[in-house]
Amino acid sequence: MLNVSSKCRSLGNNTTASLNLQRALTRAESAKFLGISTRKLDSLATDGKIIRTKIGSKSVFLISDLDDFLDSCRVTDSQSKNTPEKN
């Protein structure tokens, strides 16, 4: 896990540090957290479905944003019954 706040301060990026970021995961950690590939994670971020945070040239993902994404994927049993199964 990456402590984004200290990383931002060391880079001197006051704007990002002022967001009071607490915890973030690398791309690989985020993909593992979600159970998907890093390629799929990048695709979701590019499509705007997951928020990516850039620190210099590195992309990180806040755990809270990953949790929000997971919440957006939730379906009830009645919703899943209306979705055709893929064979």
Protein backbone atom coordinates (compact mmCIF):
# COMPACT_ATOMS: atom_id res chain seq x y z
CA MET A 1 0.00 0.00 0.00
CA LEU A 2 1.10 3.50 -0.75
CA ASN A 3 0.73 6.46 1.61
CA VAL A 4 -0.23 9.12 -0.89
CA SER A 5 -0.04 12.09 1.47
CA SER A 6 3.65 11.70 2.24
CA LYS A 7 4.41 10.92 -1.42
CA CYS A 8 2.68 14.13 -2.54
CA ARG A 9 4.53 16.22 0.01
CA SER A 10 7.85 14.76 -1.11
CA LEU A 11 6.95 15.76 -4.69
CA GLY A 12 5.97 19.25 -3.53
CA ASN A 13 2.49 19.01 -5.04
CA ASN A 14 0.46 21.13 -2.62
CA THR A 15 -2.75 20.80 -4.63
CA THR A 16 -2.81 17.02 -4.42
CA ALA A 17 -1.60 16.95 -0.82
CA SER A 18 -4.35 19.37 0.18
CA LEU A 19 -6.92 16.80 -0.89
CA ASN A 20 -5.93 14.93 2.29
CA LEU A 21 -5.48 11.61 0.52
CA GLN A 22 -5.10 8.81 3.02
CA ARG A 23 -4.58 5.48 1.30
CA ALA A 24 -4.01 4.37 -2.25
CA LEU A 25 -3.06 1.24 -4.14
CA THR A 26 -0.80 0.79 -7.14
CA ARG A 27 -2.28 -0.42 -10.43
CA ALA A 28 -1.30 -4.01 -9.70
CA GLU A 29 -2.65 -3.87 -6.14
CA SER A 30 -5.88 -2.25 -7.35
CA ALA A 31 -6.42 -4.88 -10.02
CA LYS A 32 -5.84 -7.64 -7.48
CA PHE A 33 -8.19 -5.91 -5.01
CA LEU A 34 -10.93 -5.94 -7.67
CA GLY A 35 -10.07 -9.37 -9.07
CA ILE A 36 -9.42 -8.06 -12.58
CA SER A 37 -6.40 -7.59 -14.84
CA THR A 38 -4.41 -4.36 -14.95
CA ARG A 39 -5.49 -4.01 -18.59
CA LYS A 40 -9.17 -4.12 -17.54
CA LEU A 41 -8.44 -1.65 -14.72
CA ASP A 42 -6.84 0.75 -17.21
CA SER A 43 -9.83 0.38 -19.50
CA LEU A 44 -12.26 1.16 -16.67
CA ALA A 45 -10.20 4.22 -15.72
CA THR A 46 -10.01 5.42 -19.33
CA ASP A 47 -13.79 5.02 -19.64
CA GLY A 48 -14.26 7.08 -16.45
CA LYS A 49 -15.79 4.21 -14.48
CA ILE A 50 -12.97 4.22 -11.91
CA ILE A 51 -11.19 7.37 -10.79
CA ARG A 52 -7.43 7.33 -11.29
CA THR A 53 -5.11 9.60 -9.30
CA LYS A 54 -1.87 10.66 -10.96
CA ILE A 55 1.18 11.39 -8.83
CA GLY A 56 3.90 12.43 -11.19
CA SER A 57 3.97 9.72 -13.84
CA LYS A 58 2.46 7.07 -11.55
CA SER A 59 -1.21 6.14 -11.41
CA VAL A 60 -2.68 5.13 -8.09
CA PHE A 61 -6.22 4.32 -7.03
CA LEU A 62 -7.77 5.42 -3.77
CA ILE A 63 -9.34 2.57 -1.85
CA SER A 64 -12.45 4.72 -1.35
CA ASP A 65 -12.79 5.10 -5.15
CA LEU A 66 -12.40 1.35 -5.65
CA ASP A 67 -15.07 0.78 -3.01
CA ASP A 68 -17.36 3.27 -4.79
CA PHE A 69 -16.82 1.37 -8.04
CA LEU A 70 -17.69 -1.92 -6.36
CA ASP A 71 -20.82 -0.36 -4.89
CA SER A 72 -21.86 0.79 -8.38
CA CYS A 73 -21.58 -2.81 -9.62
CA ARG A 74 -24.00 -4.22 -7.06
CA VAL A 75 -27.19 -5.82 -8.34
CA THR A 76 -30.12 -7.39 -6.56
CA ASP A 77 -31.33 -10.89 -7.38
CA SER A 78 -34.25 -9.44 -9.34
CA GLN A 79 -31.87 -7.31 -11.42
CA SER A 80 -29.61 -10.26 -12.21
CA LYS A 81 -32.59 -12.40 -13.31
CA ASN A 82 -33.47 -9.77 -15.92
CA THR A 83 -29.96 -9.91 -17.37
CA PRO A 84 -29.49 -12.59 -20.06
CA GLU A 85 -26.83 -15.13 -19.21
CA LYS A 86 -23.75 -15.29 -21.40
CA ASN A 87 -22.80 -18.75 -22.61
